[in-house]
């Protein structure tokens, strides 16, 4: 049992190390996408607040 675990451990470590490298490569893309979506959301929110301010100030 222990020999099987000792044989299996390097495979798991290599796989996790590979996935960390994969995540490190994808992280900048995720950050760019998140920044783009956040900017888009904030622009829409600002437009909505501006519209509400215009409507409320007219009435």
N, C-alpha and C. Protein backbone atom coordinates (compact mmCIF):
# COMPACT_ATOMS: atom_id res chain seq x y z
N UNK A 1 0.83 -1.20 0.00
CA UNK A 1 0.00 0.00 0.00
C UNK A 1 0.86 1.26 0.00
N UNK A 2 1.86 1.27 0.87
CA UNK A 2 2.73 2.44 0.94
C UNK A 2 3.54 2.60 -0.35
N UNK A 3 3.97 1.48 -0.92
CA UNK A 3 4.74 1.57 -2.16
C UNK A 3 3.86 2.13 -3.28
N UNK A 4 2.61 1.74 -3.29
CA UNK A 4 1.70 2.28 -4.29
C UNK A 4 1.49 3.77 -4.11
N UNK A 5 1.38 4.21 -2.87
CA UNK A 5 1.22 5.63 -2.59
C UNK A 5 2.47 6.40 -2.98
N UNK A 6 3.64 5.82 -2.67
CA UNK A 6 4.89 6.48 -3.02
C UNK A 6 5.04 6.59 -4.54
N UNK A 7 4.53 5.61 -5.27
CA UNK A 7 4.61 5.66 -6.72
C UNK A 7 3.61 6.69 -7.28
N UNK A 8 2.47 6.85 -6.60
CA UNK A 8 1.41 7.71 -7.10
C UNK A 8 1.67 9.18 -6.78
N UNK A 9 2.39 9.46 -5.68
CA UNK A 9 2.59 10.84 -5.24
C UNK A 9 3.28 11.72 -6.29
N UNK A 10 4.36 11.29 -6.93
CA UNK A 10 4.98 12.18 -7.93
C UNK A 10 4.06 12.53 -9.09
N UNK A 11 3.18 11.60 -9.45
CA UNK A 11 2.24 11.88 -10.54
C UNK A 11 1.27 12.98 -10.11
N UNK A 12 0.77 12.89 -8.89
CA UNK A 12 -0.15 13.91 -8.39
C UNK A 12 0.55 15.25 -8.28
N UNK A 13 1.79 15.24 -7.77
CA UNK A 13 2.54 16.49 -7.64
C UNK A 13 2.84 17.10 -9.00
N UNK A 14 3.21 16.27 -9.96
CA UNK A 14 3.49 16.79 -11.30
C UNK A 14 2.22 17.36 -11.93
N UNK A 15 1.12 16.68 -11.71
CA UNK A 15 -0.13 17.17 -12.28
C UNK A 15 -0.53 18.49 -11.62
N UNK A 16 -0.41 18.59 -10.29
CA UNK A 16 -0.78 19.84 -9.62
C UNK A 16 0.17 20.96 -10.01
N UNK A 17 1.46 20.64 -10.19
CA UNK A 17 2.41 21.66 -10.60
C UNK A 17 2.06 22.15 -12.00
N UNK A 18 1.68 21.23 -12.86
CA UNK A 18 1.29 21.61 -14.22
C UNK A 18 0.03 22.48 -14.19
N UNK A 19 -0.92 22.12 -13.34
CA UNK A 19 -2.15 22.92 -13.29
C UNK A 19 -1.87 24.30 -12.70
N UNK A 20 -0.92 24.41 -11.76
CA UNK A 20 -0.56 25.74 -11.24
C UNK A 20 0.05 26.59 -12.35
N UNK A 21 0.90 25.96 -13.18
CA UNK A 21 1.50 26.70 -14.29
C UNK A 21 0.42 27.13 -15.27
N UNK A 22 -0.54 26.25 -15.52
CA UNK A 22 -1.65 26.55 -16.41
C UNK A 22 -2.47 27.72 -15.86
N UNK A 23 -2.75 27.70 -14.54
CA UNK A 23 -3.49 28.80 -13.93
C UNK A 23 -2.70 30.09 -13.98
N UNK A 24 -1.38 30.01 -13.79
CA UNK A 24 -0.55 31.22 -13.85
C UNK A 24 -0.57 31.82 -15.25
N UNK A 25 -0.68 30.97 -16.26
CA UNK A 25 -0.77 31.49 -17.63
C UNK A 25 -2.14 32.11 -17.90
N UNK A 26 -3.18 31.53 -17.31
CA UNK A 26 -4.52 32.04 -17.56
C UNK A 26 -4.90 33.22 -16.68
N UNK A 27 -4.18 33.41 -15.58
CA UNK A 27 -4.54 34.47 -14.64
C UNK A 27 -4.58 35.86 -15.28
N UNK A 28 -3.59 36.26 -16.08
CA UNK A 28 -3.70 37.59 -16.71
C UNK A 28 -4.92 37.73 -17.60
N UNK A 29 -5.29 36.65 -18.30
CA UNK A 29 -6.48 36.73 -19.14
C UNK A 29 -7.74 36.90 -18.30
N UNK A 30 -7.81 36.16 -17.17
CA UNK A 30 -8.95 36.32 -16.28
C UNK A 30 -9.01 37.74 -15.71
N UNK A 31 -7.85 38.30 -15.37
CA UNK A 31 -7.83 39.66 -14.81
C UNK A 31 -8.27 40.68 -15.85
N UNK A 32 -7.82 40.52 -17.08
CA UNK A 32 -8.24 41.44 -18.14
C UNK A 32 -9.75 41.35 -18.37
N UNK A 33 -10.27 40.13 -18.40
CA UNK A 33 -11.70 39.95 -18.61
C UNK A 33 -12.50 40.55 -17.45
N UNK A 34 -12.03 40.32 -16.22
CA UNK A 34 -12.74 40.87 -15.06
C UNK A 34 -12.70 42.39 -15.08
N UNK A 35 -11.55 42.96 -15.46
CA UNK A 35 -11.46 44.42 -15.50
C UNK A 35 -12.38 44.99 -16.57
N UNK A 36 -12.45 44.31 -17.71
CA UNK A 36 -13.34 44.76 -18.78
C UNK A 36 -14.80 44.69 -18.34
N UNK A 37 -15.19 43.57 -17.73
CA UNK A 37 -16.58 43.43 -17.30
C UNK A 37 -16.93 44.42 -16.20
N UNK A 38 -15.99 44.65 -15.28
CA UNK A 38 -16.24 45.60 -14.20
C UNK A 38 -16.38 47.01 -14.76
N UNK A 39 -15.52 47.38 -15.70
CA UNK A 39 -15.62 48.69 -16.33
C UNK A 39 -16.94 48.86 -17.07
N UNK A 40 -17.36 47.82 -17.78
CA UNK A 40 -18.63 47.86 -18.50
C UNK A 40 -19.79 48.03 -17.52
N UNK A 41 -19.76 47.27 -16.42
CA UNK A 41 -20.82 47.36 -15.42
C UNK A 41 -20.85 48.75 -14.78
N UNK A 42 -19.67 49.30 -14.46
CA UNK A 42 -19.63 50.61 -13.82
C UNK A 42 -20.11 51.71 -14.77
N UNK A 43 -19.79 51.59 -16.07
CA UNK A 43 -20.29 52.58 -17.02
C UNK A 43 -21.81 52.53 -17.11
N UNK A 44 -22.37 51.33 -17.14
CA UNK A 44 -23.83 51.21 -17.19
C UNK A 44 -24.48 51.76 -15.92
N UNK A 45 -23.86 51.49 -14.78
CA UNK A 45 -24.39 51.99 -13.52
C UNK A 45 -24.33 53.51 -13.47
N UNK A 46 -23.23 54.07 -13.96
CA UNK A 46 -23.10 55.53 -13.97
C UNK A 46 -24.14 56.15 -14.90
N UNK A 47 -24.39 55.51 -16.05
CA UNK A 47 -25.40 56.02 -16.96
C UNK A 47 -26.79 55.96 -16.33
N UNK A 48 -27.07 54.87 -15.60
CA UNK A 48 -28.36 54.73 -14.93
C UNK A 48 -28.53 55.80 -13.86
N UNK A 49 -27.50 56.03 -13.06
CA UNK A 49 -27.58 57.05 -12.01
C UNK A 49 -27.75 58.43 -12.63
N UNK A 50 -27.05 58.70 -13.72
CA UNK A 50 -27.19 59.98 -14.39
C UNK A 50 -28.61 60.15 -14.93
N UNK A 51 -29.16 59.08 -15.50
CA UNK A 51 -30.52 59.14 -16.02
C UNK A 51 -31.52 59.38 -14.89
N UNK A 52 -31.36 58.67 -13.77
CA UNK A 52 -32.26 58.87 -12.64
C UNK A 52 -32.15 60.29 -12.09
N UNK A 53 -30.93 60.81 -12.05
CA UNK A 53 -30.75 62.17 -11.56
C UNK A 53 -31.47 63.17 -12.48
N UNK A 54 -31.38 62.94 -13.80
CA UNK A 54 -32.06 63.82 -14.75
C UNK A 54 -33.58 63.74 -14.58
N UNK A 55 -34.10 62.53 -14.46
CA UNK A 55 -35.55 62.35 -14.32
C UNK A 55 -36.04 62.97 -13.02
N UNK A 56 -35.33 62.74 -11.93
CA UNK A 56 -35.78 63.26 -10.64
C UNK A 56 -35.63 64.78 -10.55
N UNK A 57 -34.63 65.34 -11.20
CA UNK A 57 -34.45 66.79 -11.12
C UNK A 57 -35.48 67.52 -11.99
N UNK A 58 -36.01 66.86 -13.03
CA UNK A 58 -37.04 67.48 -13.85
C UNK A 58 -38.37 67.52 -13.11
N UNK A 59 -38.65 66.47 -12.33
CA UNK A 59 -39.95 66.38 -11.67
C UNK A 59 -39.95 67.09 -10.38
